[in-house]
Protein backbone atom coordinates (compact mmCIF):
# COMPACT_ATOMS: atom_id res chain seq x y z
CA MET A 1 0.00 0.00 0.00
CA HIS A 2 1.51 3.30 -1.02
CA LEU A 3 1.54 6.77 0.44
CA ASN A 4 -0.46 8.23 -2.43
CA VAL A 5 -3.44 6.26 -1.12
CA THR A 6 -3.41 8.27 2.09
CA GLU A 7 -3.06 11.57 0.30
CA SER A 8 -6.50 11.17 -1.26
CA ARG A 9 -8.26 10.27 1.97
CA SER A 10 -9.02 13.75 3.34
CA ASN A 11 -12.14 14.19 1.20
CA SER A 12 -13.38 10.70 2.06
CA VAL A 13 -12.80 11.26 5.76
CA ALA A 14 -14.69 14.54 5.54
CA ARG A 15 -17.61 12.84 3.81
CA GLN A 16 -17.80 10.05 6.38
CA PHE A 17 -18.08 12.47 9.27
CA GLN A 18 -19.82 15.32 7.39
CA ILE A 19 -16.95 17.65 8.18
CA ASP A 20 -16.82 21.22 6.94
CA SER A 21 -13.76 22.61 5.17
CA PRO A 22 -11.05 23.44 7.75
CA LEU A 23 -10.89 26.93 6.29
CA LEU A 24 -14.57 27.45 7.09
CA ALA A 25 -14.68 25.68 10.45
CA PRO A 26 -15.78 28.14 13.17
CA HIS A 27 -13.39 26.82 15.81
CA HIS A 28 -10.18 26.44 13.81
CA ASP A 29 -8.26 28.83 16.09
CA LEU A 30 -8.97 26.86 19.28
CA SER A 31 -6.58 24.37 20.85
CA ASP A 32 -7.35 20.65 20.84
CA GLU A 33 -8.03 20.73 24.55
CA GLU A 34 -10.47 23.64 24.22
CA LEU A 35 -12.32 21.76 21.49
CA VAL A 36 -12.54 18.66 23.67
CA ARG A 37 -13.98 20.64 26.59
CA MET A 38 -16.54 22.32 24.32
CA PHE A 39 -17.73 18.99 22.96
CA VAL A 40 -17.78 17.20 26.34
CA GLU A 41 -19.49 20.03 28.21
CA GLU A 42 -21.74 21.49 25.50
CA ARG A 43 -21.92 18.72 22.86
CA ASP A 44 -20.78 21.36 20.38
CA GLU A 45 -20.85 19.61 16.99
CA ASP A 46 -18.64 22.24 15.38
CA ALA A 47 -15.97 21.50 17.98
CA PHE A 48 -16.12 17.80 17.15
CA ASN A 49 -16.00 18.54 13.42
CA GLU A 50 -12.86 20.59 13.93
CA ILE A 51 -11.22 17.71 15.81
CA ALA A 52 -12.14 15.38 12.96
CA ASN A 53 -10.80 17.88 10.42
CA ARG A 54 -7.47 18.00 12.20
CA TYR A 55 -7.02 14.31 12.85
CA GLY A 56 -9.20 12.25 10.50
CA GLU A 57 -6.57 11.81 7.82
CA LYS A 58 -3.79 11.35 10.37
CA VAL A 59 -5.71 8.53 12.09
CA PHE A 60 -6.40 6.84 8.76
CA ARG A 61 -2.77 7.17 7.68
CA LEU A 62 -1.52 5.64 10.93
CA ALA A 63 -4.05 2.81 10.72
CA LEU A 64 -3.09 2.13 7.10
CA ARG A 65 0.60 1.99 7.98
CA ILE A 66 -0.07 -0.52 10.75
CA THR A 67 -2.68 -2.70 9.04
CA HIS A 68 -1.61 -2.48 5.36
CA SER A 69 -5.31 -2.54 4.44
CA THR A 70 -7.50 0.36 3.34
CA HIS A 71 -10.58 -1.63 4.37
CA ILE A 72 -9.28 -2.26 7.89
CA ALA A 73 -7.95 1.30 8.15
CA ASP A 74 -11.45 2.54 7.32
CA GLU A 75 -12.85 0.37 10.09
CA VAL A 76 -10.27 1.71 12.53
CA LEU A 77 -11.11 5.28 11.48
CA GLN A 78 -14.81 4.69 12.12
CA GLU A 79 -14.11 2.99 15.43
CA VAL A 80 -11.79 5.74 16.67
CA PHE A 81 -14.23 8.54 15.92
CA LEU A 82 -17.16 6.63 17.35
CA THR A 83 -15.02 6.19 20.46
CA LEU A 84 -14.50 9.95 20.51
CA VAL A 85 -18.25 10.57 20.36
CA GLU A 86 -18.92 8.13 23.18
CA LYS A 87 -15.87 8.42 25.39
CA LEU A 88 -14.21 11.77 24.78
CA ASP A 89 -14.92 12.64 28.41
CA SER A 90 -12.36 9.98 29.37
CA PHE A 91 -9.59 12.29 28.12
CA ARG A 92 -8.13 13.74 31.33
CA GLU A 93 -5.50 16.06 29.84
CA GLU A 94 -2.73 14.02 31.51
CA SER A 95 -1.06 14.13 28.09
CA THR A 96 -1.72 16.15 24.95
CA PHE A 97 -4.90 15.29 23.11
CA SER A 98 -2.95 14.21 20.03
CA THR A 99 -0.94 11.75 22.13
CA TRP A 100 -4.12 10.32 23.63
CA LEU A 101 -5.79 10.05 20.22
CA TYR A 102 -2.78 8.36 18.59
CA ARG A 103 -2.76 5.86 21.46
CA VAL A 104 -6.43 5.07 20.84
CA ALA A 105 -5.80 4.70 17.10
CA THR A 106 -2.69 2.56 17.57
CA ASN A 107 -4.45 0.20 19.98
CA ALA A 108 -7.48 -0.09 17.69
CA SER A 109 -5.22 -0.87 14.72
CA LEU A 110 -3.21 -3.49 16.60
CA ILE A 111 -6.37 -5.20 17.81
CA GLN A 112 -7.65 -5.33 14.23
CA ILE A 113 -4.53 -6.89 12.72
CA ARG A 114 -4.18 -9.38 15.55
CA ASN A 115 -7.78 -10.40 15.08
CA GLU A 116 -7.14 -10.75 11.36
CA LYS A 117 -3.73 -12.39 11.97
CA ARG A 118 -2.38 -10.20 9.18
CA ASP A 119 1.15 -9.52 10.39
CA GLY A 120 3.16 -12.73 10.18
CA ARG A 121 6.59 -11.16 9.88
CA ASN A 122 9.41 -12.82 11.77
CA ILE A 123 11.99 -10.18 10.94
CA SER A 124 13.86 -8.87 13.97
CA LEU A 125 15.99 -5.76 14.11
CA GLU A 126 17.21 -6.39 17.65
CA ASP A 127 20.58 -7.54 16.34
CA TYR A 128 20.46 -5.52 13.15
CA VAL A 129 23.67 -3.45 13.18
CA PRO A 130 25.02 -3.19 9.62
CA TYR A 131 28.46 -1.91 10.62
CA ASP A 132 31.84 -3.26 9.66
CA GLU A 133 34.83 -3.47 11.99
CA LYS A 134 35.70 0.18 11.24
CA GLY A 135 32.27 1.40 12.27
CA MET A 136 31.16 2.07 8.70
CA LEU A 137 27.73 1.03 7.48
CA LEU A 138 28.22 -2.16 5.49
CA GLY A 139 27.80 -1.58 1.78
CA ILE A 140 26.30 1.84 2.24
CA SER A 141 29.54 3.79 2.54
CA LEU A 142 30.40 2.65 -0.99
CA LYS A 143 26.96 3.54 -2.31
CA ASP A 144 26.43 7.09 -1.15
CA TRP A 145 23.04 8.46 -2.27
CA SER A 146 22.89 11.31 0.22
CA HIS A 147 23.01 13.77 -2.67
CA THR A 148 20.03 12.25 -4.42
CA PRO A 149 18.07 15.04 -6.16
CA ASP A 150 14.80 15.87 -4.39
CA GLU A 151 12.79 15.26 -7.53
CA MET A 152 14.03 11.65 -7.62
CA LEU A 153 12.96 11.10 -4.02
CA VAL A 154 9.44 12.43 -4.53
CA GLU A 155 8.68 10.97 -7.94
CA LYS A 156 6.11 8.15 -8.04
CA GLU A 157 8.59 5.28 -8.39
CA GLY A 158 10.85 6.63 -5.64
CA LEU A 159 7.91 7.09 -3.26
CA GLU A 160 6.72 3.56 -3.94
CA VAL A 161 10.16 2.11 -3.23
CA ILE A 162 10.42 4.08 0.01
CA ASP A 163 6.90 3.13 1.10
CA ARG A 164 7.50 -0.54 0.33
CA ALA A 165 10.67 -0.51 2.44
CA ILE A 166 8.81 1.10 5.35
CA ASN A 167 6.08 -1.52 5.13
CA GLU A 168 8.71 -4.27 5.36
CA LEU A 169 9.73 -3.05 8.81
CA PRO A 170 8.59 -5.25 11.69
CA GLU A 171 5.44 -3.93 13.34
CA LYS A 172 6.97 -2.27 16.40
CA TYR A 173 9.57 -0.45 14.30
CA ARG A 174 7.09 0.49 11.58
CA ILE A 175 4.74 2.13 14.07
CA ILE A 176 7.53 4.14 15.69
CA PHE A 177 8.95 5.21 12.34
CA HIS A 178 5.54 6.41 11.20
CA LEU A 179 4.79 8.34 14.38
CA ARG A 180 8.27 9.82 14.67
CA ASP A 181 9.38 10.48 11.08
CA VAL A 182 6.12 10.68 9.15
CA GLU A 183 3.81 12.38 11.65
CA GLY A 184 6.65 14.31 13.27
CA LEU A 185 5.94 13.47 16.92
CA THR A 186 8.66 13.86 19.53
CA ASN A 187 10.39 10.91 21.18
CA LYS A 188 8.47 11.64 24.39
CA GLU A 189 5.11 11.75 22.60
CA VAL A 190 5.84 8.45 20.86
CA GLY A 191 6.90 6.93 24.16
CA ASP A 192 3.69 8.10 25.83
CA ILE A 193 1.58 6.63 23.04
CA LEU A 194 3.29 3.23 23.07
CA GLY A 195 4.21 3.01 26.75
CA LEU A 196 7.95 3.04 26.05
CA SER A 197 10.86 4.88 27.59
CA ILE A 198 12.49 7.62 25.54
CA SER A 199 15.65 5.53 25.29
CA ALA A 200 13.63 2.61 23.85
CA VAL A 201 12.04 4.93 21.29
CA LYS A 202 15.44 6.30 20.31
CA SER A 203 16.86 2.80 19.94
CA ARG A 204 14.00 1.57 17.76
CA ILE A 205 13.89 4.63 15.51
CA HIS A 206 17.67 4.40 15.07
CA ARG A 207 17.45 0.75 14.02
CA ALA A 208 14.50 1.47 11.74
CA ARG A 209 16.39 4.28 10.01
CA LEU A 210 19.47 2.10 9.55
CA TYR A 211 17.38 -0.69 8.10
CA LEU A 212 15.65 1.67 5.67
CA ARG A 213 18.89 3.30 4.63
CA ASP A 214 20.34 -0.12 3.96
CA LYS A 215 17.27 -1.29 2.02
CA LEU A 216 17.13 1.85 -0.12
CA SER A 217 20.83 2.24 -0.84
CA ASP A 218 20.95 -0.14 -3.83
CA TYR A 219 17.95 1.41 -5.56
CA PHE A 220 19.04 5.05 -5.30
CA TYR A 221 22.70 4.26 -5.92
CA GLU A 222 21.80 2.57 -9.20
CA ARG A 223 19.54 5.47 -10.16
CA LEU A 224 22.29 7.99 -9.45
CA LYS A 225 24.80 6.05 -11.57
CA ASN A 226 22.53 6.43 -14.56
CA ILE A 227 22.07 10.18 -14.27
């Protein structure tokens, strides 16, 4: 499943929850926490719509990354926002709202794939350290693609190769990579979502990045040779 699938989901998400355009939403200047309080205390539908505008596509994108299925990601999306309608008052502001919501979405996605028994990977990155005796990344130091032109990275084929490599990551690394490097959350926020220490998050994201760099080196090195 490729990233371009997620890029087209905003309109679909809006239709499912009858969301107004973010530019027209009456509460777009309010914080997440203010929106939550307005919905919990006043059942303000505009406040809920603004929350859905901000996070609908993000929830779907996270669910898609975890489940590898648009159908299951849709189910997770529905479940998460139904949970918000019914249980938003359970948010106690002990963390940021986004952290709480990502935790709900992650748990819902993991439950879905375990029920479906979809993730049968046995790959482990615990011992994945592609260094040689001199501390250089094996194979990669000879195939430097750090100067790859931006247009090559963002073209359709390049995006598909990158997305395929991300999807090959074991589940626990794939989730952290998505939250940290795709959604841009901090190490602390990722740790709060997944119940991990900051050091554990740092270790897993480091291994995930090494793995991806290793997996992508051959493709981009060959492309650069032909320029």
